[in-house]
Amino acid sequence: MLIRILKNRAVILSLAAVVTFFALVLGVGFGSVKLTFGECIRGLFFGTGTEGIIIRSLRLPRVLGALLSGAALGGAGLLLQSAVANPLAAPNTIGINAGAGAAVMLSLVFIKNSFVFQSVFAFLGALAAALVTLFIASRFGGMSRGTVVLAGVAVGAVFNAVISYLSVRFPDVLSSYASFSVGGFSGILWKDITAPSAVILFMLALGMLLAPLMNLLDLGDELAASFGVKTRALRFLLVVISAALASASVSYAGLIGFVGLIAPHVSARLIGSDKRFLYPMTLLFGSSLTVLSDLLARVLFAPSELPSGILLNAVGAPFFLALLIFGRRKGDV
């Protein structure tokens, strides 16, 4: 009976929501500065004294930024995998993150006051990287797993080279390039996440509306078309939404990697492949993953801290390698 209950999708989603909530509580309550439960409550609801500054001005925007970034990257990964029918597709593996970062750097260097439109530039760079990668893969390799990954690595390398060059040529534009390239949530303030959060929430809602159509895509283009789905338009729309989600995250969190790869795969193991349930599960898992990794980055080496992107890369790199190895054994790469 208990096993049957635990396999219920509604129960799994509810447990995931509870885990995400507790991750938020831990993220707000713990850090390099130790606060009691009472101090956290006073700081959160009344904003009094030092604890108010720490909770409301520093930890809360940081934790919410991590939560939104995790949901955005996880959702982007799942949407990309559906769009290109490739389980290895993710914002970092097909160059989207690097494209967004390069566009932001270019705008900061050559356009005055470009920070006002930073999310727009990030989106354009992310979309350009995604389209170039998919064009190369479709033109030369038929969109196989290995071809998409290799094309993404090449495109990402080009954009990363642009970022590196600009950071050296114009050091004042991005003095903290190392942190940006790894990704993290240190120093995030409310003003940093206001515009990106609006983009993320809107795009996540749009992705949820498209979940039933993604199920039809899984059946193949011909069968999906027989149900009235315009498959090419839908796939392009999914790529656009993915680019918007990833670029919004990059605009304040830097080049965080592997969340978009880990979250969809682990969530599918937990709840199955039906996108109506897999999509919200991926958002919750991605949020919990980034919030908890950011918390560990703060407390493991307190009072100093490690960029949370390093922890995510430490987990994500072997995970990605395992997917490649198992895919090759099955003949899919």
C-alpha atoms as a PDB file:
ATOM      1  CA  MET A   1       0.000   0.000   0.000  1.00  0.00           C
ATOM      2  CA  LEU A   2       2.762   2.443   0.954  1.00  0.00           C
ATOM      3  CA  ILE A   3       4.707   1.667  -2.224  1.00  0.00           C
ATOM      4  CA  ARG A   4       1.570   2.289  -4.301  1.00  0.00           C
ATOM      5  CA  ILE A   5       1.022   5.655  -2.595  1.00  0.00           C
ATOM      6  CA  LEU A   6       4.641   6.684  -3.116  1.00  0.00           C
ATOM      7  CA  LYS A   7       4.308   5.888  -6.825  1.00  0.00           C
ATOM      8  CA  ASN A   8       1.336   8.247  -7.146  1.00  0.00           C
ATOM      9  CA  ARG A   9       2.376  11.247  -9.232  1.00  0.00           C
ATOM     10  CA  ALA A  10       0.443  13.741  -7.135  1.00  0.00           C
ATOM     11  CA  VAL A  11       2.186  12.452  -4.013  1.00  0.00           C
ATOM     12  CA  ILE A  12       5.604  12.669  -5.687  1.00  0.00           C
ATOM     13  CA  LEU A  13       4.971  16.245  -6.787  1.00  0.00           C
ATOM     14  CA  SER A  14       3.748  17.161  -3.314  1.00  0.00           C
ATOM     15  CA  LEU A  15       6.867  15.681  -1.714  1.00  0.00           C
ATOM     16  CA  ALA A  16       9.033  17.556  -4.211  1.00  0.00           C
ATOM     17  CA  ALA A  17       7.245  20.803  -3.327  1.00  0.00           C
ATOM     18  CA  VAL A  18       7.856  20.146   0.373  1.00  0.00           C
ATOM     19  CA  VAL A  19      11.546  19.490  -0.271  1.00  0.00           C
ATOM     20  CA  THR A  20      11.786  22.730  -2.256  1.00  0.00           C
ATOM     21  CA  PHE A  21      10.096  24.656   0.563  1.00  0.00           C
ATOM     22  CA  PHE A  22      12.504  23.282   3.167  1.00  0.00           C
ATOM     23  CA  ALA A  23      15.414  24.060   0.851  1.00  0.00           C
ATOM     24  CA  LEU A  24      14.221  27.676   0.812  1.00  0.00           C
ATOM     25  CA  VAL A  25      13.912  27.727   4.598  1.00  0.00           C
ATOM     26  CA  LEU A  26      17.417  26.321   5.002  1.00  0.00           C
ATOM     27  CA  GLY A  27      18.792  28.747   2.441  1.00  0.00           C
ATOM     28  CA  VAL A  28      17.365  31.730   4.295  1.00  0.00           C
ATOM     29  CA  GLY A  29      18.190  30.448   7.771  1.00  0.00           C
ATOM     30  CA  PHE A  30      21.769  29.259   7.330  1.00  0.00           C
ATOM     31  CA  GLY A  31      24.897  30.982   6.116  1.00  0.00           C
ATOM     32  CA  SER A  32      28.288  32.282   7.154  1.00  0.00           C
ATOM     33  CA  VAL A  33      26.547  34.375   9.838  1.00  0.00           C
ATOM     34  CA  LYS A  34      24.672  32.162  12.289  1.00  0.00           C
ATOM     35  CA  LEU A  35      21.180  33.347  13.227  1.00  0.00           C
ATOM     36  CA  THR A  36      18.707  31.794  15.628  1.00  0.00           C
ATOM     37  CA  PHE A  37      15.214  30.834  14.510  1.00  0.00           C
ATOM     38  CA  GLY A  38      13.781  33.852  16.319  1.00  0.00           C
ATOM     39  CA  GLU A  39      16.242  36.213  14.627  1.00  0.00           C
ATOM     40  CA  CYS A  40      15.312  34.769  11.228  1.00  0.00           C
ATOM     41  CA  ILE A  41      11.600  35.335  11.909  1.00  0.00           C
ATOM     42  CA  ARG A  42      12.180  38.903  13.084  1.00  0.00           C
ATOM     43  CA  GLY A  43      14.434  39.651  10.173  1.00  0.00           C
ATOM     44  CA  LEU A  44      12.003  38.161   7.642  1.00  0.00           C
ATOM     45  CA  PHE A  45       8.767  39.741   8.836  1.00  0.00           C
ATOM     46  CA  PHE A  46       9.863  42.865  10.674  1.00  0.00           C
ATOM     47  CA  GLY A  47      13.234  43.692   9.130  1.00  0.00           C
ATOM     48  CA  THR A  48      14.681  44.974  12.374  1.00  0.00           C
ATOM     49  CA  GLY A  49      18.376  45.296  13.177  1.00  0.00           C
ATOM     50  CA  THR A  50      21.250  43.437  11.633  1.00  0.00           C
ATOM     51  CA  GLU A  51      19.236  40.270  11.117  1.00  0.00           C
ATOM     52  CA  GLY A  52      16.757  42.237   8.998  1.00  0.00           C
ATOM     53  CA  ILE A  53      19.509  43.393   6.668  1.00  0.00           C
ATOM     54  CA  ILE A  54      20.963  39.888   6.423  1.00  0.00           C
ATOM     55  CA  ILE A  55      17.637  38.125   5.810  1.00  0.00           C
ATOM     56  CA  ARG A  56      15.635  40.571   3.703  1.00  0.00           C
ATOM     57  CA  SER A  57      18.364  42.376   1.803  1.00  0.00           C
ATOM     58  CA  LEU A  58      20.979  39.643   1.328  1.00  0.00           C
ATOM     59  CA  ARG A  59      19.774  36.077   1.846  1.00  0.00           C
ATOM     60  CA  LEU A  60      16.197  36.311   0.563  1.00  0.00           C
ATOM     61  CA  PRO A  61      17.027  37.751  -2.894  1.00  0.00           C
ATOM     62  CA  ARG A  62      19.940  35.337  -3.155  1.00  0.00           C
ATOM     63  CA  VAL A  63      17.814  32.290  -2.321  1.00  0.00           C
ATOM     64  CA  LEU A  64      14.959  33.359  -4.591  1.00  0.00           C
ATOM     65  CA  GLY A  65      17.476  34.033  -7.351  1.00  0.00           C
ATOM     66  CA  ALA A  66      18.848  30.512  -6.945  1.00  0.00           C
ATOM     67  CA  LEU A  67      15.348  29.036  -6.947  1.00  0.00           C
ATOM     68  CA  LEU A  68      14.350  30.887 -10.140  1.00  0.00           C
ATOM     69  CA  SER A  69      17.618  30.018 -11.837  1.00  0.00           C
ATOM     70  CA  GLY A  70      17.228  26.325 -11.039  1.00  0.00           C
ATOM     71  CA  ALA A  71      13.658  26.269 -12.327  1.00  0.00           C
ATOM     72  CA  ALA A  72      14.639  28.192 -15.453  1.00  0.00           C
ATOM     73  CA  LEU A  73      17.612  25.978 -16.321  1.00  0.00           C
ATOM     74  CA  GLY A  74      15.778  22.755 -15.491  1.00  0.00           C
ATOM     75  CA  GLY A  75      12.766  23.793 -17.564  1.00  0.00           C
ATOM     76  CA  ALA A  76      15.003  24.938 -20.423  1.00  0.00           C
ATOM     77  CA  GLY A  77      16.753  21.576 -20.452  1.00  0.00           C
ATOM     78  CA  LEU A  78      13.504  19.615 -20.656  1.00  0.00           C
ATOM     79  CA  LEU A  79      12.083  21.873 -23.371  1.00  0.00           C
ATOM     80  CA  LEU A  80      15.263  21.534 -25.432  1.00  0.00           C
ATOM     81  CA  GLN A  81      15.279  17.767 -25.079  1.00  0.00           C
ATOM     82  CA  SER A  82      11.697  17.664 -26.323  1.00  0.00           C
ATOM     83  CA  ALA A  83      12.390  20.112 -29.142  1.00  0.00           C
ATOM     84  CA  VAL A  84      15.338  18.198 -30.617  1.00  0.00           C
ATOM     85  CA  ALA A  85      14.423  14.702 -29.370  1.00  0.00           C
ATOM     86  CA  ASN A  86      17.843  14.444 -27.770  1.00  0.00           C
ATOM     87  CA  PRO A  87      18.318  13.580 -24.067  1.00  0.00           C
ATOM     88  CA  LEU A  88      21.746  15.234 -23.994  1.00  0.00           C
ATOM     89  CA  ALA A  89      20.436  18.666 -24.985  1.00  0.00           C
ATOM     90  CA  ALA A  90      20.742  21.322 -22.276  1.00  0.00           C
ATOM     91  CA  PRO A  91      21.568  25.050 -22.147  1.00  0.00           C
ATOM     92  CA  ASN A  92      25.243  24.405 -21.433  1.00  0.00           C
ATOM     93  CA  THR A  93      25.732  21.447 -23.783  1.00  0.00           C
ATOM     94  CA  ILE A  94      24.473  23.225 -26.918  1.00  0.00           C
ATOM     95  CA  GLY A  95      26.112  26.577 -26.218  1.00  0.00           C
ATOM     96  CA  ILE A  96      23.086  28.583 -25.038  1.00  0.00           C
ATOM     97  CA  ASN A  97      24.691  29.702 -21.779  1.00  0.00           C
ATOM     98  CA  ALA A  98      27.882  30.785 -23.510  1.00  0.00           C
ATOM     99  CA  GLY A  99      25.945  32.614 -26.236  1.00  0.00           C
ATOM    100  CA  ALA A 100      23.957  34.547 -23.635  1.00  0.00           C
ATOM    101  CA  GLY A 101      27.110  35.427 -21.711  1.00  0.00           C
ATOM    102  CA  ALA A 102      28.928  36.614 -24.825  1.00  0.00           C
ATOM    103  CA  ALA A 103      25.998  38.823 -25.854  1.00  0.00           C
ATOM    104  CA  VAL A 104      25.895  40.419 -22.418  1.00  0.00           C
ATOM    105  CA  MET A 105      29.629  41.082 -22.557  1.00  0.00           C
ATOM    106  CA  LEU A 106      29.403  42.630 -26.027  1.00  0.00           C
ATOM    107  CA  SER A 107      26.566  44.898 -24.979  1.00  0.00           C
ATOM    108  CA  LEU A 108      28.411  46.077 -21.880  1.00  0.00           C
ATOM    109  CA  VAL A 109      31.510  46.893 -23.912  1.00  0.00           C
ATOM    110  CA  PHE A 110      29.998  48.609 -26.935  1.00  0.00           C
ATOM    111  CA  ILE A 111      26.596  49.974 -25.853  1.00  0.00           C
ATOM    112  CA  LYS A 112      26.234  52.690 -23.237  1.00  0.00           C
ATOM    113  CA  ASN A 113      23.827  51.904 -20.376  1.00  0.00           C
ATOM    114  CA  SER A 114      23.187  48.479 -21.899  1.00  0.00           C
ATOM    115  CA  PHE A 115      22.550  46.990 -18.447  1.00  0.00           C
ATOM    116  CA  VAL A 116      18.980  48.262 -18.789  1.00  0.00           C
ATOM    117  CA  PHE A 117      18.410  45.772 -21.634  1.00  0.00           C
ATOM    118  CA  GLN A 118      20.773  43.090 -20.373  1.00  0.00           C
ATOM    119  CA  SER A 119      18.129  40.348 -20.427  1.00  0.00           C
ATOM    120  CA  VAL A 120      17.260  41.208 -24.041  1.00  0.00           C
ATOM    121  CA  PHE A 121      20.876  40.927 -25.186  1.00  0.00           C
ATOM    122  CA  ALA A 122      21.273  37.685 -23.244  1.00  0.00           C
ATOM    123  CA  PHE A 123      18.189  36.246 -24.947  1.00  0.00           C
ATOM    124  CA  LEU A 124      19.406  37.190 -28.433  1.00  0.00           C
ATOM    125  CA  GLY A 125      22.805  35.610 -27.787  1.00  0.00           C
ATOM    126  CA  ALA A 126      21.248  32.458 -26.349  1.00  0.00           C
ATOM    127  CA  LEU A 127      18.844  32.069 -29.269  1.00  0.00           C
ATOM    128  CA  ALA A 128      21.626  32.639 -31.802  1.00  0.00           C
ATOM    129  CA  ALA A 129      23.799  29.981 -30.150  1.00  0.00           C
ATOM    130  CA  ALA A 130      20.947  27.465 -30.066  1.00  0.00           C
ATOM    131  CA  LEU A 131      20.023  27.996 -33.715  1.00  0.00           C
ATOM    132  CA  VAL A 132      23.637  27.802 -34.909  1.00  0.00           C
ATOM    133  CA  THR A 133      24.221  24.586 -32.954  1.00  0.00           C
ATOM    134  CA  LEU A 134      21.051  22.948 -34.236  1.00  0.00           C
ATOM    135  CA  PHE A 135      21.781  24.046 -37.811  1.00  0.00           C
ATOM    136  CA  ILE A 136      25.270  22.544 -37.711  1.00  0.00           C
ATOM    137  CA  ALA A 137      23.991  19.321 -36.136  1.00  0.00           C
ATOM    138  CA  SER A 138      21.132  18.910 -38.615  1.00  0.00           C
ATOM    139  CA  ARG A 139      23.314  19.824 -41.596  1.00  0.00           C
ATOM    140  CA  PHE A 140      26.187  17.462 -40.877  1.00  0.00           C
ATOM    141  CA  GLY A 141      25.012  14.735 -38.516  1.00  0.00           C
ATOM    142  CA  GLY A 142      21.288  14.222 -38.582  1.00  0.00           C
ATOM    143  CA  MET A 143      20.736  15.470 -35.002  1.00  0.00           C
ATOM    144  CA  SER A 144      22.225  12.389 -33.350  1.00  0.00           C
ATOM    145  CA  ARG A 145      23.213  12.670 -29.703  1.00  0.00           C
ATOM    146  CA  GLY A 146      26.905  12.844 -30.416  1.00  0.00           C
ATOM    147  CA  THR A 147      26.575  15.403 -33.220  1.00  0.00           C
ATOM    148  CA  VAL A 148      24.449  17.800 -31.185  1.00  0.00           C
ATOM    149  CA  VAL A 149      26.909  17.618 -28.294  1.00  0.00           C
ATOM    150  CA  LEU A 150      29.955  18.132 -30.523  1.00  0.00           C
ATOM    151  CA  ALA A 151      28.305  21.045 -32.315  1.00  0.00           C
ATOM    152  CA  GLY A 152      27.317  22.540 -28.962  1.00  0.00           C
ATOM    153  CA  VAL A 153      30.859  22.205 -27.622  1.00  0.00           C
ATOM    154  CA  ALA A 154      32.251  23.938 -30.708  1.00  0.00           C
ATOM    155  CA  VAL A 155      29.725  26.780 -30.642  1.00  0.00           C
ATOM    156  CA  GLY A 156      30.117  27.205 -26.885  1.00  0.00           C
ATOM    157  CA  ALA A 157      33.908  27.335 -27.272  1.00  0.00           C
ATOM    158  CA  VAL A 158      33.614  30.168 -29.793  1.00  0.00           C
ATOM    159  CA  PHE A 159      31.360  32.221 -27.531  1.00  0.00           C
ATOM    160  CA  ASN A 160      33.540  31.484 -24.496  1.00  0.00           C
ATOM    161  CA  ALA A 161      36.528  32.713 -26.477  1.00  0.00           C
ATOM    162  CA  VAL A 162      34.653  35.954 -27.129  1.00  0.00           C
ATOM    163  CA  ILE A 163      33.924  36.303 -23.403  1.00  0.00           C
ATOM    164  CA  SER A 164      37.564  35.631 -22.493  1.00  0.00           C
ATOM    165  CA  TYR A 165      38.878  38.111 -25.044  1.00  0.00           C
ATOM    166  CA  LEU A 166      36.544  40.884 -23.911  1.00  0.00           C
ATOM    167  CA  SER A 167      37.301  40.250 -20.241  1.00  0.00           C
ATOM    168  CA  VAL A 168      41.027  40.646 -20.956  1.00  0.00           C
ATOM    169  CA  ARG A 169      40.663  43.546 -23.400  1.00  0.00           C
ATOM    170  CA  PHE A 170      38.183  45.436 -21.220  1.00  0.00           C
ATOM    171  CA  PRO A 171      38.892  44.334 -17.621  1.00  0.00           C
ATOM    172  CA  ASP A 172      36.714  47.061 -16.101  1.00  0.00           C
ATOM    173  CA  VAL A 173      33.588  45.697 -17.781  1.00  0.00           C
ATOM    174  CA  LEU A 174      33.623  42.403 -15.977  1.00  0.00           C
ATOM    175  CA  SER A 175      36.159  42.463 -13.182  1.00  0.00           C
ATOM    176  CA  SER A 176      34.776  39.251 -11.700  1.00  0.00           C
ATOM    177  CA  TYR A 177      34.920  37.172 -14.886  1.00  0.00           C
ATOM    178  CA  ALA A 178      36.036  34.047 -13.014  1.00  0.00           C
ATOM    179  CA  SER A 179      32.869  34.052 -10.905  1.00  0.00           C
ATOM    180  CA  PHE A 180      30.724  34.833 -13.944  1.00  0.00           C
ATOM    181  CA  SER A 181      32.185  31.981 -15.979  1.00  0.00           C
ATOM    182  CA  VAL A 182      31.610  29.458 -13.184  1.00  0.00           C
ATOM    183  CA  GLY A 183      28.260  30.833 -12.079  1.00  0.00           C
ATOM    184  CA  GLY A 184      26.876  31.568  -8.652  1.00  0.00           C
ATOM    185  CA  PHE A 185      24.544  33.698  -6.589  1.00  0.00           C
ATOM    186  CA  SER A 186      26.873  35.677  -4.365  1.00  0.00           C
ATOM    187  CA  GLY A 187      25.987  39.357  -4.063  1.00  0.00           C
ATOM    188  CA  ILE A 188      22.610  39.120  -5.812  1.00  0.00           C
ATOM    189  CA  LEU A 189      20.251  41.936  -4.823  1.00  0.00           C
ATOM    190  CA  TRP A 190      16.569  42.561  -5.485  1.00  0.00           C
ATOM    191  CA  LYS A 191      17.303  44.828  -8.450  1.00  0.00           C
ATOM    192  CA  ASP A 192      19.287  42.051 -10.111  1.00  0.00           C
ATOM    193  CA  ILE A 193      16.411  39.583 -10.246  1.00  0.00           C
ATOM    194  CA  THR A 194      13.388  41.848 -10.757  1.00  0.00           C
ATOM    195  CA  ALA A 195      13.308  41.832 -14.574  1.00  0.00           C
ATOM    196  CA  PRO A 196      14.700  38.281 -15.053  1.00  0.00           C
ATOM    197  CA  SER A 197      12.151  36.852 -12.611  1.00  0.00           C
ATOM    198  CA  ALA A 198       9.275  38.263 -14.682  1.00  0.00           C
ATOM    199  CA  VAL A 199      10.707  36.648 -17.821  1.00  0.00           C
ATOM    200  CA  ILE A 200      11.304  33.330 -16.070  1.00  0.00           C
ATOM    201  CA  LEU A 201       7.832  33.095 -14.527  1.00  0.00           C
ATOM    202  CA  PHE A 202       6.096  33.945 -17.799  1.00  0.00           C
ATOM    203  CA  MET A 203       8.154  31.481 -19.839  1.00  0.00           C
ATOM    204  CA  LEU A 204       7.750  28.714 -17.272  1.00  0.00           C
ATOM    205  CA  ALA A 205       3.975  29.161 -17.397  1.00  0.00           C
ATOM    206  CA  LEU A 206       4.059  29.063 -21.195  1.00  0.00           C
ATOM    207  CA  GLY A 207       6.111  25.879 -21.080  1.00  0.00           C
ATOM    208  CA  MET A 208       3.538  24.287 -18.770  1.00  0.00           C
ATOM    209  CA  LEU A 209       0.773  25.066 -21.281  1.00  0.00           C
ATOM    210  CA  LEU A 210       2.789  23.302 -23.986  1.00  0.00           C
ATOM    211  CA  ALA A 211       3.390  20.140 -21.937  1.00  0.00           C
ATOM    212  CA  PRO A 212       0.536  18.131 -23.570  1.00  0.00           C
ATOM    213  CA  LEU A 213       1.891  19.030 -27.024  1.00  0.00           C
ATOM    214  CA  MET A 214       5.356  17.866 -25.985  1.00  0.00           C
ATOM    215  CA  ASN A 215       3.834  14.477 -25.220  1.00  0.00           C
ATOM    216  CA  LEU A 216       2.601  14.336 -28.818  1.00  0.00           C
ATOM    217  CA  LEU A 217       6.074  15.251 -30.118  1.00  0.00           C
ATOM    218  CA  ASP A 218       7.424  12.199 -28.316  1.00  0.00           C
ATOM    219  CA  LEU A 219       5.214  10.049 -30.561  1.00  0.00           C
ATOM    220  CA  GLY A 220       6.959  11.298 -33.705  1.00  0.00           C
ATOM    221  CA  ASP A 221       6.300  14.110 -36.139  1.00  0.00           C
ATOM    222  CA  GLU A 222       3.920  12.181 -38.386  1.00  0.00           C
ATOM    223  CA  LEU A 223       1.648  11.043 -35.586  1.00  0.00           C
ATOM    224  CA  ALA A 224       1.790  14.442 -33.892  1.00  0.00           C
ATOM    225  CA  ALA A 225       0.855  16.112 -37.187  1.00  0.00           C
ATOM    226  CA  SER A 226      -2.139  13.800 -37.493  1.00  0.00           C
ATOM    227  CA  PHE A 227      -3.422  15.379 -34.259  1.00  0.00           C
ATOM    228  CA  GLY A 228      -3.091  18.835 -35.786  1.00  0.00           C
ATOM    229  CA  VAL A 229       0.264  19.765 -34.231  1.00  0.00           C
ATOM    230  CA  LYS A 230       2.497  22.006 -36.333  1.00  0.00           C
ATOM    231  CA  THR A 231       5.651  20.207 -35.318  1.00  0.00           C
ATOM    232  CA  ARG A 232       8.264  22.536 -36.829  1.00  0.00           C
ATOM    233  CA  ALA A 233       6.648  25.622 -35.339  1.00  0.00           C
ATOM    234  CA  LEU A 234       6.307  23.904 -31.973  1.00  0.00           C
ATOM    235  CA  ARG A 235       9.933  22.783 -31.916  1.00  0.00           C
ATOM    236  CA  PHE A 236      11.096  26.308 -32.780  1.00  0.00           C
ATOM    237  CA  LEU A 237       8.863  27.777 -30.057  1.00  0.00           C
ATOM    238  CA  LEU A 238      10.315  25.368 -27.502  1.00  0.00           C
ATOM    239  CA  VAL A 239      13.849  26.441 -28.469  1.00  0.00           C
ATOM    240  CA  VAL A 240      12.862  30.112 -28.138  1.00  0.00           C
ATOM    241  CA  ILE A 241      11.375  29.549 -24.677  1.00  0.00           C
ATOM    242  CA  SER A 242      14.475  27.612 -23.633  1.00  0.00           C
ATOM    243  CA  ALA A 243      16.715  30.435 -24.809  1.00  0.00           C
ATOM    244  CA  ALA A 244      14.642  32.984 -22.890  1.00  0.00           C
ATOM    245  CA  LEU A 245      14.779  30.930 -19.693  1.00  0.00           C
ATOM    246  CA  ALA A 246      18.512  30.259 -19.883  1.00  0.00           C
ATOM    247  CA  SER A 247      19.375  33.834 -20.805  1.00  0.00           C
ATOM    248  CA  ALA A 248      17.329  35.244 -17.928  1.00  0.00           C
ATOM    249  CA  SER A 249      19.299  33.034 -15.554  1.00  0.00           C
ATOM    250  CA  VAL A 250      22.648  33.917 -17.119  1.00  0.00           C
ATOM    251  CA  SER A 251      21.905  37.647 -16.840  1.00  0.00           C
ATOM    252  CA  TYR A 252      22.320  37.536 -13.040  1.00  0.00           C
ATOM    253  CA  ALA A 253      23.728  34.111 -12.121  1.00  0.00           C
ATOM    254  CA  GLY A 254      26.447  33.650 -14.731  1.00  0.00           C
ATOM    255  CA  LEU A 255      27.241  30.501 -16.690  1.00  0.00           C
ATOM    256  CA  ILE A 256      25.822  27.840 -14.376  1.00  0.00           C
ATOM    257  CA  GLY A 257      25.985  24.445 -16.015  1.00  0.00           C
ATOM    258  CA  PHE A 258      24.411  20.979 -15.899  1.00  0.00           C
ATOM    259  CA  VAL A 259      21.191  21.859 -14.017  1.00  0.00           C
ATOM    260  CA  GLY A 260      19.335  21.619 -17.315  1.00  0.00           C
ATOM    261  CA  LEU A 261      20.782  18.159 -17.852  1.00  0.00           C
ATOM    262  CA  ILE A 262      20.489  16.681 -14.357  1.00  0.00           C
ATOM    263  CA  ALA A 263      17.021  17.901 -13.392  1.00  0.00           C
ATOM    264  CA  PRO A 264      15.030  16.423 -16.337  1.00  0.00           C
ATOM    265  CA  HIS A 265      16.743  13.031 -16.185  1.00  0.00           C
ATOM    266  CA  VAL A 266      16.443  12.531 -12.423  1.00  0.00           C
ATOM    267  CA  SER A 267      12.850  13.798 -12.481  1.00  0.00           C
ATOM    268  CA  ALA A 268      11.953  11.360 -15.261  1.00  0.00           C
ATOM    269  CA  ARG A 269      13.269   8.525 -13.097  1.00  0.00           C
ATOM    270  CA  LEU A 270      11.047   9.661 -10.255  1.00  0.00           C
ATOM    271  CA  ILE A 271       7.800  10.503 -12.027  1.00  0.00           C
ATOM    272  CA  GLY A 272       7.890   9.116 -15.571  1.00  0.00           C
ATOM    273  CA  SER A 273       7.996  10.673 -19.025  1.00  0.00           C
ATOM    274  CA  ASP A 274       4.532  12.290 -19.176  1.00  0.00           C
ATOM    275  CA  LYS A 275       5.429  15.967 -19.632  1.00  0.00           C
ATOM    276  CA  ARG A 276       2.322  17.137 -17.761  1.00  0.00           C
ATOM    277  CA  PHE A 277       3.928  15.776 -14.588  1.00  0.00           C
ATOM    278  CA  LEU A 278       7.577  15.679 -15.614  1.00  0.00           C
ATOM    279  CA  TYR A 279       7.700  19.417 -16.364  1.00  0.00           C
ATOM    280  CA  PRO A 280       6.641  20.665 -12.886  1.00  0.00           C
ATOM    281  CA  MET A 281       8.755  17.958 -11.277  1.00  0.00           C
ATOM    282  CA  THR A 282      11.780  19.181 -13.222  1.00  0.00           C
ATOM    283  CA  LEU A 283      11.167  22.759 -12.100  1.00  0.00           C
ATOM    284  CA  LEU A 284      10.955  21.708  -8.462  1.00  0.00           C
ATOM    285  CA  PHE A 285      14.020  19.474  -8.641  1.00  0.00           C
ATOM    286  CA  GLY A 286      16.057  22.135 -10.444  1.00  0.00           C
ATOM    287  CA  SER A 287      15.063  24.732  -7.838  1.00  0.00           C
ATOM    288  CA  SER A 288      15.975  22.485  -4.912  1.00  0.00           C
ATOM    289  CA  LEU A 289      19.275  21.543  -6.552  1.00  0.00           C
ATOM    290  CA  THR A 290      20.447  25.132  -7.032  1.00  0.00           C
ATOM    291  CA  VAL A 291      19.240  26.384  -3.643  1.00  0.00           C
ATOM    292  CA  LEU A 292      20.917  23.534  -1.760  1.00  0.00           C
ATOM    293  CA  SER A 293      24.132  23.811  -3.793  1.00  0.00           C
ATOM    294  CA  ASP A 294      24.248  27.522  -3.019  1.00  0.00           C
ATOM    295  CA  LEU A 295      23.702  26.787   0.675  1.00  0.00           C
ATOM    296  CA  LEU A 296      26.554  24.269   0.687  1.00  0.00           C
ATOM    297  CA  ALA A 297      28.766  26.762  -1.132  1.00  0.00           C
ATOM    298  CA  ARG A 298      28.136  29.238   1.692  1.00  0.00           C
ATOM    299  CA  VAL A 299      28.581  26.976   4.699  1.00  0.00           C
ATOM    300  CA  LEU A 300      31.250  24.442   3.717  1.00  0.00           C
ATOM    301  CA  PHE A 301      34.085  26.965   3.817  1.00  0.00           C
ATOM    302  CA  ALA A 302      32.535  29.687   6.005  1.00  0.00           C
ATOM    303  CA  PRO A 303      33.255  32.528   6.461  1.00  0.00           C
ATOM    304  CA  SER A 304      34.565  32.402   2.872  1.00  0.00           C
ATOM    305  CA  GLU A 305      32.474  30.738   0.196  1.00  0.00           C
ATOM    306  CA  LEU A 306      32.764  28.722  -2.992  1.00  0.00           C
ATOM    307  CA  PRO A 307      30.852  29.639  -6.185  1.00  0.00           C
ATOM    308  CA  SER A 308      27.912  27.256  -6.300  1.00  0.00           C
ATOM    309  CA  GLY A 309      28.586  26.614  -9.989  1.00  0.00           C
ATOM    310  CA  ILE A 310      31.691  24.673  -8.969  1.00  0.00           C
ATOM    311  CA  LEU A 311      29.616  22.235  -6.910  1.00  0.00           C
ATOM    312  CA  LEU A 312      27.101  21.837  -9.728  1.00  0.00           C
ATOM    313  CA  ASN A 313      29.904  21.160 -12.213  1.00  0.00           C
ATOM    314  CA  ALA A 314      31.417  18.592  -9.848  1.00  0.00           C
ATOM    315  CA  VAL A 315      28.125  16.698  -9.870  1.00  0.00           C
ATOM    316  CA  GLY A 316      27.110  17.432 -13.453  1.00  0.00           C
ATOM    317  CA  ALA A 317      30.289  16.488 -15.306  1.00  0.00           C
ATOM    318  CA  PRO A 318      30.298  12.788 -14.274  1.00  0.00           C
ATOM    319  CA  PHE A 319      26.512  12.685 -14.749  1.00  0.00           C
ATOM    320  CA  PHE A 320      26.928  13.936 -18.319  1.00  0.00           C
ATOM    321  CA  LEU A 321      29.723  11.428 -18.947  1.00  0.00           C
ATOM    322  CA  ALA A 322      27.517   8.597 -17.689  1.00  0.00           C
ATOM    323  CA  LEU A 323      24.747   9.607 -20.102  1.00  0.00           C
ATOM    324  CA  LEU A 324      27.215   9.587 -22.977  1.00  0.00           C
ATOM    325  CA  ILE A 325      28.610   6.171 -22.036  1.00  0.00           C
ATOM    326  CA  PHE A 326      25.216   4.510 -21.583  1.00  0.00           C
ATOM    327  CA  GLY A 327      23.929   6.140 -24.753  1.00  0.00           C
ATOM    328  CA  ARG A 328      26.854   4.774 -26.736  1.00  0.00           C
ATOM    329  CA  ARG A 329      26.312   1.269 -25.317  1.00  0.00           C
ATOM    330  CA  LYS A 330      22.724   1.437 -26.539  1.00  0.00           C
ATOM    331  CA  GLY A 331      23.864   2.595 -29.959  1.00  0.00           C
ATOM    332  CA  ASP A 332      22.262   6.034 -29.659  1.00  0.00           C
ATOM    333  CA  VAL A 333      25.476   8.082 -29.943  1.00  0.00           C
END
